Amino acid sequence: MSNDSNRVSVKILEKEYHVACPPEQQSALVDSASLLNKRMKEIRDSGKVVGLDRIAVMAALNIANELLAAKGRGELEAGMTDRIRGLRERVEAALAAGRQLEL
């Protein structure tokens, strides 16, 4: 990651995460976090899935399925996949750092 990164705070299921992100990608990161938060709340509120880890996995599977379906329809540009992968890696790193702090 570039030295030009800023720390961006995002809130997912009432928990705040700080993610390093280049300034030009901050808007996309915030939008991604908002989508993830919305999906996780929908899954949690359905009452069919219990536990934050399971809710996160179900949300990730749903979003990945939609991504693959859209990719199959040719709706995504090739560069979008790399951007999503990069954002996912940053969120996973932030979650791992948060998990280490909680222990």
Protein backbone atom coordinates (compact mmCIF):
# COMPACT_ATOMS: atom_id res chain seq x y z
CA MET A 1 0.00 0.00 0.00
CA SER A 2 1.20 3.48 -0.80
CA ASN A 3 2.48 5.91 1.81
CA ASP A 4 -0.28 8.27 0.64
CA SER A 5 -2.94 6.16 2.38
CA ASN A 6 -5.30 7.63 4.92
CA ARG A 7 -7.10 5.80 7.70
CA VAL A 8 -10.81 5.61 7.01
CA SER A 9 -13.35 4.67 9.68
CA VAL A 10 -16.25 2.49 8.64
CA LYS A 11 -18.99 1.05 10.82
CA ILE A 12 -20.30 -2.47 10.27
CA LEU A 13 -22.95 -3.89 12.62
CA GLU A 14 -22.33 -1.14 15.16
CA LYS A 15 -18.59 -1.88 15.27
CA GLU A 16 -16.07 0.63 13.98
CA TYR A 17 -13.15 -0.45 11.80
CA HIS A 18 -10.19 1.66 10.69
CA VAL A 19 -8.89 0.80 7.22
CA ALA A 20 -5.88 2.26 5.41
CA CYS A 21 -6.97 3.44 1.99
CA PRO A 22 -5.58 5.72 -0.75
CA PRO A 23 -7.54 8.98 -0.97
CA GLU A 24 -8.85 8.19 -4.46
CA GLN A 25 -10.43 4.95 -3.20
CA GLN A 26 -12.03 6.25 0.00
CA SER A 27 -15.44 6.75 -1.55
CA ALA A 28 -15.45 3.20 -2.93
CA LEU A 29 -14.38 1.82 0.45
CA VAL A 30 -17.16 3.68 2.26
CA ASP A 31 -19.70 2.49 -0.32
CA SER A 32 -18.46 -1.10 0.02
CA ALA A 33 -18.67 -0.95 3.81
CA SER A 34 -22.17 0.48 3.57
CA LEU A 35 -23.27 -2.35 1.28
CA LEU A 36 -21.69 -4.96 3.57
CA ASN A 37 -23.30 -3.39 6.64
CA LYS A 38 -26.72 -3.40 4.93
CA ARG A 39 -26.40 -7.04 3.88
CA MET A 40 -25.16 -8.17 7.29
CA LYS A 41 -28.04 -6.37 9.02
CA GLU A 42 -30.54 -8.05 6.68
CA ILE A 43 -29.07 -11.47 7.47
CA ARG A 44 -28.91 -10.77 11.22
CA ASP A 45 -32.46 -9.41 11.30
CA SER A 46 -33.80 -12.46 9.47
CA GLY A 47 -32.95 -14.49 12.58
CA LYS A 48 -31.86 -17.46 10.47
CA VAL A 49 -28.13 -17.00 11.06
CA VAL A 50 -26.55 -16.50 14.48
CA GLY A 51 -23.05 -15.26 15.23
CA LEU A 52 -21.06 -12.44 13.69
CA ASP A 53 -18.67 -14.76 11.85
CA ARG A 54 -21.51 -16.72 10.25
CA ILE A 55 -23.35 -13.54 9.31
CA ALA A 56 -20.19 -12.15 7.70
CA VAL A 57 -19.60 -15.37 5.76
CA MET A 58 -23.19 -15.48 4.51
CA ALA A 59 -23.03 -11.83 3.44
CA ALA A 60 -19.71 -12.46 1.66
CA LEU A 61 -21.14 -15.50 -0.13
CA ASN A 62 -24.21 -13.56 -1.24
CA ILE A 63 -22.15 -10.64 -2.53
CA ALA A 64 -19.65 -12.97 -4.25
CA ASN A 65 -22.53 -14.81 -5.91
CA GLU A 66 -23.96 -11.54 -7.20
CA LEU A 67 -20.51 -10.48 -8.42
CA LEU A 68 -20.01 -13.73 -10.32
CA ALA A 69 -23.50 -13.52 -11.81
CA ALA A 70 -22.88 -9.95 -12.97
CA LYS A 71 -19.47 -10.91 -14.32
CA GLY A 72 -21.09 -13.74 -16.25
CA ARG A 73 -23.49 -11.23 -17.79
CA GLY A 74 -20.56 -9.03 -18.76
CA GLU A 75 -21.70 -6.11 -16.59
CA LEU A 76 -18.34 -5.60 -14.89
CA GLU A 77 -15.15 -4.22 -16.31
CA ALA A 78 -12.00 -6.28 -15.80
CA GLY A 79 -10.45 -3.66 -13.50
CA MET A 80 -13.42 -3.78 -11.14
CA THR A 81 -12.56 -7.31 -9.98
CA ASP A 82 -9.07 -6.21 -8.92
CA ARG A 83 -10.51 -3.22 -7.10
CA ILE A 84 -13.00 -5.37 -5.19
CA ARG A 85 -10.27 -7.87 -4.33
CA GLY A 86 -8.09 -5.05 -2.98
CA LEU A 87 -10.91 -3.67 -0.87
CA ARG A 88 -11.70 -7.15 0.46
CA GLU A 89 -8.06 -7.65 1.45
CA ARG A 90 -8.01 -4.33 3.29
CA VAL A 91 -11.22 -5.16 5.17
CA GLU A 92 -9.91 -8.63 6.06
CA ALA A 93 -6.67 -7.08 7.37
CA ALA A 94 -8.66 -4.60 9.45
CA LEU A 95 -10.84 -7.37 10.83
CA ALA A 96 -7.77 -9.45 11.69
CA ALA A 97 -6.17 -6.48 13.45
CA GLY A 98 -9.41 -5.88 15.38
CA ARG A 99 -9.65 -9.54 16.34
CA GLN A 100 -6.08 -9.43 17.69
CA LEU A 101 -6.94 -6.45 19.83
CA GLU A 102 -10.03 -8.15 21.25
CA LEU A 103 -8.13 -11.21 22.52
